């Protein structure tokens, strides 16, 4: 494990331990509205502080892009992308589906490593470009299922921007016909990690932010899957929409999304 991955893992585990201390015990005063139907908690902010401290001490010349605003422009050309608590609404409601997500883009803009940590289950997903994806040290791969009647597909439902709701629902209707079931867990980072390890056969969501998906994108790719935007562009940072899947599912979801969305 290289120094960057070691540091990201240490940061994720430190943040996860802190998050668990208040899980199920949040006071109302610990929750603040961030924007319409979007919230931030004291646990989000403390997690981000823990992560950025560790990353900055180890790599002071790197940039930071963080959901809660602890951003920094460095001189190295590298950028750490951090979601300190992906699934905040789940966390607020004591629904145990949330994660810490940390990714690194190198000086060429390519994803170099990704870490997604689910502290409730102590599941650590890691990936380094060109070296595979792992769950708690064991290599993982995307699903090999080929029959749509067996597919379990994850998605994210629009919850504050309704301009594309009709297109989303039309896509969802089509996907329902070509799957055994749909899941909306509330954490894109975990949806992608679970796609990487074969629990989900695919994941799609429209309008995400880099901290939601950066680490998970590398996990899926290193586990043998494909990830693009809805427009088919492999540069997921260009469009902020995600279709992640296996050789059997990626094209299936892409065709349905492109049928209904104006891109």
Protein backbone atom coordinates (compact mmCIF):
# COMPACT_ATOMS: atom_id res chain seq x y z
CA UNK A 1 0.00 0.00 0.00
CA UNK A 2 1.53 3.31 -1.06
CA UNK A 3 1.80 6.34 1.21
CA UNK A 4 -1.18 8.09 -0.35
CA UNK A 5 -3.48 5.11 0.12
CA UNK A 6 -2.21 4.48 3.65
CA UNK A 7 -2.95 8.09 4.53
CA UNK A 8 -6.41 8.04 2.95
CA UNK A 9 -7.28 4.84 4.81
CA UNK A 10 -6.09 6.33 8.11
CA UNK A 11 -8.14 9.46 7.47
CA UNK A 12 -11.26 7.47 6.58
CA UNK A 13 -10.99 5.22 9.63
CA UNK A 14 -10.35 8.17 11.95
CA UNK A 15 -13.36 10.02 10.56
CA UNK A 16 -15.53 6.90 10.70
CA UNK A 17 -14.71 6.32 14.36
CA UNK A 18 -15.71 9.88 15.15
CA UNK A 19 -18.97 9.59 13.23
CA UNK A 20 -19.96 6.45 15.14
CA UNK A 21 -19.60 8.24 18.48
CA UNK A 22 -22.69 10.34 17.73
CA UNK A 23 -24.64 7.90 15.56
CA UNK A 24 -28.15 7.58 16.96
CA UNK A 25 -27.53 10.34 19.50
CA UNK A 26 -27.72 13.55 17.46
CA UNK A 27 -29.32 16.53 19.15
CA UNK A 28 -31.51 18.88 17.10
CA UNK A 29 -28.91 21.58 17.68
CA UNK A 30 -26.34 19.40 15.87
CA UNK A 31 -28.35 19.56 12.60
CA UNK A 32 -28.46 22.64 10.38
CA UNK A 33 -30.15 23.20 7.01
CA UNK A 34 -27.58 23.75 4.26
CA UNK A 35 -29.96 24.40 1.39
CA UNK A 36 -33.41 23.20 0.34
CA UNK A 37 -33.89 19.63 1.65
CA UNK A 38 -30.17 19.35 2.34
CA UNK A 39 -28.60 19.24 5.79
CA UNK A 40 -25.25 19.27 7.53
CA UNK A 41 -24.47 17.99 11.00
CA UNK A 42 -21.73 18.52 13.54
CA UNK A 43 -20.55 15.01 12.61
CA UNK A 44 -20.09 16.03 8.95
CA UNK A 45 -17.98 19.01 9.96
CA UNK A 46 -15.88 17.13 12.49
CA UNK A 47 -15.30 14.31 10.02
CA UNK A 48 -14.14 16.77 7.36
CA UNK A 49 -11.84 18.47 9.87
CA UNK A 50 -10.30 15.13 10.85
CA UNK A 51 -9.76 14.11 7.23
CA UNK A 52 -8.34 17.39 5.98
CA UNK A 53 -5.94 17.63 8.93
CA UNK A 54 -4.48 14.21 8.17
CA UNK A 55 -4.28 14.83 4.41
CA UNK A 56 -2.80 18.31 4.74
CA UNK A 57 -0.16 17.23 7.23
CA UNK A 58 0.93 14.39 4.94
CA UNK A 59 0.65 16.24 1.62
CA UNK A 60 0.76 20.01 2.25
CA UNK A 61 1.14 20.89 -1.44
CA UNK A 62 -2.01 19.06 -2.60
CA UNK A 63 -5.37 20.71 -3.24
CA UNK A 64 -8.58 19.83 -1.41
CA UNK A 65 -12.16 19.70 -2.72
CA UNK A 66 -14.53 18.91 0.16
CA UNK A 67 -18.31 18.87 0.43
CA UNK A 68 -18.45 21.08 3.51
CA UNK A 69 -16.11 23.71 2.11
CA UNK A 70 -12.67 22.93 3.52
CA UNK A 71 -11.16 23.64 0.12
CA UNK A 72 -7.57 24.53 -0.61
CA UNK A 73 -5.58 25.21 -3.76
CA UNK A 74 -2.16 23.61 -3.67
CA UNK A 75 0.85 23.71 -5.96
CA UNK A 76 1.35 19.99 -6.71
CA UNK A 77 -1.40 19.67 -9.32
CA UNK A 78 -3.01 16.87 -7.30
CA UNK A 79 -6.44 17.13 -5.70
CA UNK A 80 -8.06 15.22 -2.85
CA UNK A 81 -11.86 14.93 -3.16
CA UNK A 82 -13.63 14.35 0.16
CA UNK A 83 -17.15 13.55 1.24
CA UNK A 84 -16.85 13.36 5.02
CA UNK A 85 -20.27 11.76 5.51
CA UNK A 86 -22.08 10.58 2.41
CA UNK A 87 -25.65 9.79 3.43
CA UNK A 88 -26.19 12.57 5.95
CA UNK A 89 -29.98 12.26 5.90
CA UNK A 90 -29.66 8.55 6.68
CA UNK A 91 -27.30 9.43 9.53
CA UNK A 92 -29.73 12.01 10.92
CA UNK A 93 -32.51 9.41 10.93
CA UNK A 94 -30.29 6.69 12.46
CA UNK A 95 -30.53 4.67 9.26
CA UNK A 96 -27.16 2.85 9.19
CA UNK A 97 -26.27 3.44 5.54
CA UNK A 98 -23.60 6.11 5.18
CA UNK A 99 -19.91 6.31 4.37
CA UNK A 100 -16.74 8.33 4.27
CA UNK A 101 -15.42 8.85 0.74
CA UNK A 102 -11.91 10.01 -0.20
CA UNK A 103 -10.39 10.12 -3.69
CA UNK A 104 -7.22 11.49 -5.22
CA UNK A 105 -6.89 12.94 -8.72
CA UNK A 106 -3.34 13.13 -10.04
CA UNK A 107 -1.76 16.04 -11.89
CA UNK A 108 -3.26 14.84 -15.19
CA UNK A 109 -6.78 14.89 -13.73
CA UNK A 110 -7.08 11.11 -13.62
CA UNK A 111 -8.34 9.27 -10.55
CA UNK A 112 -5.39 7.68 -8.76
CA UNK A 113 -6.99 6.17 -5.68
CA UNK A 114 -10.32 5.84 -3.93
CA UNK A 115 -11.41 4.87 -0.45
CA UNK A 116 -14.99 4.33 0.74
CA UNK A 117 -15.44 3.37 4.38
CA UNK A 118 -18.73 2.15 5.89
CA UNK A 119 -18.07 2.48 9.63
CA UNK A 120 -21.17 0.67 10.90
CA UNK A 121 -20.11 -2.57 9.19
CA UNK A 122 -16.38 -1.74 9.30
CA UNK A 123 -16.20 -2.28 5.54
CA UNK A 124 -13.23 -0.62 3.85
CA UNK A 125 -13.30 -0.41 0.05
CA UNK A 126 -10.04 0.65 -1.59
CA UNK A 127 -8.75 1.03 -5.13
CA UNK A 128 -5.53 2.23 -6.71
CA UNK A 129 -5.41 2.83 -10.45
CA UNK A 130 -4.11 -0.23 -12.25
CA UNK A 131 -3.95 -2.37 -9.11
CA UNK A 132 -7.54 -3.57 -8.62
CA UNK A 133 -10.26 -2.93 -6.04
CA UNK A 134 -10.50 -4.48 -2.60
CA UNK A 135 -12.92 -4.93 0.32
CA UNK A 136 -11.11 -5.31 3.64
CA UNK A 137 -8.03 -6.48 1.75
CA UNK A 138 -9.75 -9.06 -0.46
CA UNK A 139 -9.95 -8.30 -4.17
CA UNK A 140 -13.45 -7.64 -5.51
CA UNK A 141 -15.06 -7.80 -8.93
CA UNK A 142 -18.30 -6.62 -10.46
CA UNK A 143 -21.19 -9.02 -10.87
CA UNK A 144 -21.17 -11.69 -13.56
CA UNK A 145 -24.98 -11.92 -13.74
CA UNK A 146 -26.33 -11.67 -17.29
CA UNK A 147 -30.08 -12.21 -16.93
CA UNK A 148 -32.13 -9.01 -16.42
CA UNK A 149 -34.59 -11.02 -14.34
CA UNK A 150 -31.83 -11.32 -11.73
CA UNK A 151 -30.44 -7.76 -11.80
CA UNK A 152 -30.54 -5.65 -8.64
CA UNK A 153 -30.11 -2.02 -9.70
CA UNK A 154 -29.35 0.98 -7.48
CA UNK A 155 -30.38 4.56 -8.17
CA UNK A 156 -30.74 7.99 -6.61
CA UNK A 157 -34.17 9.62 -6.66
CA UNK A 158 -34.41 13.39 -7.26
CA UNK A 159 -35.19 15.04 -3.93
CA UNK A 160 -34.71 18.80 -4.41
CA UNK A 161 -34.38 19.49 -8.15
CA UNK A 162 -37.50 18.46 -10.05
CA UNK A 163 -36.65 19.82 -13.51
CA UNK A 164 -35.69 16.33 -14.66
CA UNK A 165 -38.15 14.33 -12.56
CA UNK A 166 -40.28 13.22 -15.53
CA UNK A 167 -37.21 12.02 -17.43
CA UNK A 168 -36.00 10.18 -14.35
CA UNK A 169 -39.34 8.47 -13.77
CA UNK A 170 -39.53 7.40 -17.42
CA UNK A 171 -36.05 5.90 -17.14
CA UNK A 172 -36.96 4.22 -13.87
CA UNK A 173 -40.04 2.66 -15.47
CA UNK A 174 -37.90 1.16 -18.22
CA UNK A 175 -35.25 -0.12 -15.80
CA UNK A 176 -37.93 -1.75 -13.63
CA UNK A 177 -38.96 -3.87 -16.61
CA UNK A 178 -35.36 -5.10 -17.05
CA UNK A 179 -34.46 -5.92 -13.47
CA UNK A 180 -35.48 -7.98 -10.48
CA UNK A 181 -35.51 -4.97 -8.18
CA UNK A 182 -34.51 -1.36 -7.58
CA UNK A 183 -32.82 0.03 -4.48
CA UNK A 184 -32.42 3.64 -3.33
CA UNK A 185 -30.06 3.45 -0.35
CA UNK A 186 -29.22 7.15 -0.07
CA UNK A 187 -25.44 7.09 -0.47
CA UNK A 188 -23.93 7.24 -3.94
CA UNK A 189 -20.51 6.32 -2.55
CA UNK A 190 -21.90 3.06 -1.17
CA UNK A 191 -24.02 2.41 -4.27
CA UNK A 192 -20.83 2.51 -6.33
CA UNK A 193 -18.85 0.44 -3.81
CA UNK A 194 -21.61 -2.17 -3.78
CA UNK A 195 -21.61 -2.20 -7.58
CA UNK A 196 -17.86 -2.78 -7.47
CA UNK A 197 -18.21 -5.83 -5.23
CA UNK A 198 -21.20 -7.31 -7.08
CA UNK A 199 -23.95 -6.62 -4.57
CA UNK A 200 -25.57 -4.31 -7.12
CA UNK A 201 -25.43 -5.03 -10.84
CA UNK A 202 -25.57 -1.34 -11.78
CA UNK A 203 -26.10 2.15 -10.41
CA UNK A 204 -27.33 5.31 -12.05
CA UNK A 205 -28.01 8.82 -10.81
CA UNK A 206 -28.37 12.24 -12.41
CA UNK A 207 -26.73 15.39 -10.99
CA UNK A 208 -24.11 14.33 -8.49
CA UNK A 209 -21.11 16.22 -7.15
CA UNK A 210 -17.50 14.99 -7.43
CA UNK A 211 -17.28 14.15 -3.73
CA UNK A 212 -20.31 11.87 -4.11
CA UNK A 213 -18.79 9.64 -6.76
CA UNK A 214 -15.04 10.16 -7.26
CA UNK A 215 -13.82 7.30 -5.06
CA UNK A 216 -16.63 4.97 -6.13
CA UNK A 217 -15.95 5.49 -9.82
CA UNK A 218 -12.41 4.18 -9.44
CA UNK A 219 -13.66 1.25 -7.34
CA UNK A 220 -16.03 0.14 -10.10
CA UNK A 221 -13.48 0.56 -12.88
CA UNK A 222 -10.78 -1.31 -10.97
CA UNK A 223 -13.30 -4.08 -10.23
CA UNK A 224 -13.87 -4.61 -13.95
CA UNK A 225 -16.92 -2.41 -14.50
CA UNK A 226 -17.66 0.58 -16.70
CA UNK A 227 -18.57 4.09 -15.57
CA UNK A 228 -19.65 6.98 -17.80
CA UNK A 229 -21.91 9.97 -17.71
CA UNK A 230 -25.40 9.73 -19.17
CA UNK A 231 -23.91 11.04 -22.42
CA UNK A 232 -21.48 8.12 -22.63
CA UNK A 233 -18.47 10.29 -21.79
CA UNK A 234 -15.91 8.45 -19.68
CA UNK A 235 -14.88 11.79 -18.13
CA UNK A 236 -17.44 11.70 -15.33
CA UNK A 237 -16.31 15.10 -14.07
CA UNK A 238 -17.61 16.72 -17.25
CA UNK A 239 -21.31 15.99 -16.73
CA UNK A 240 -21.91 14.97 -13.08
CA UNK A 241 -24.23 12.14 -14.00
CA UNK A 242 -23.27 8.53 -13.41
CA UNK A 243 -24.02 5.18 -15.00
CA UNK A 244 -21.93 2.40 -13.47
CA UNK A 245 -22.32 -1.23 -14.34
CA UNK A 246 -21.03 -4.50 -15.64
CA UNK A 247 -20.55 -5.51 -19.28
CA UNK A 248 -24.15 -6.78 -19.12
CA UNK A 249 -25.77 -3.77 -17.45
CA UNK A 250 -23.92 -0.60 -18.38
CA UNK A 251 -25.18 -0.48 -21.96
CA UNK A 252 -28.67 -1.46 -20.84
CA UNK A 253 -28.97 1.48 -18.44
CA UNK A 254 -27.24 3.88 -20.83
CA UNK A 255 -29.68 3.17 -23.63
CA UNK A 256 -32.63 3.84 -21.35
CA UNK A 257 -31.18 7.05 -19.88
CA UNK A 258 -30.27 8.46 -23.29
CA UNK A 259 -33.78 7.71 -24.53
CA UNK A 260 -35.37 9.99 -21.95
CA UNK A 261 -32.80 12.64 -21.00
CA UNK A 262 -31.89 15.61 -23.19
CA UNK A 263 -28.12 15.78 -22.80
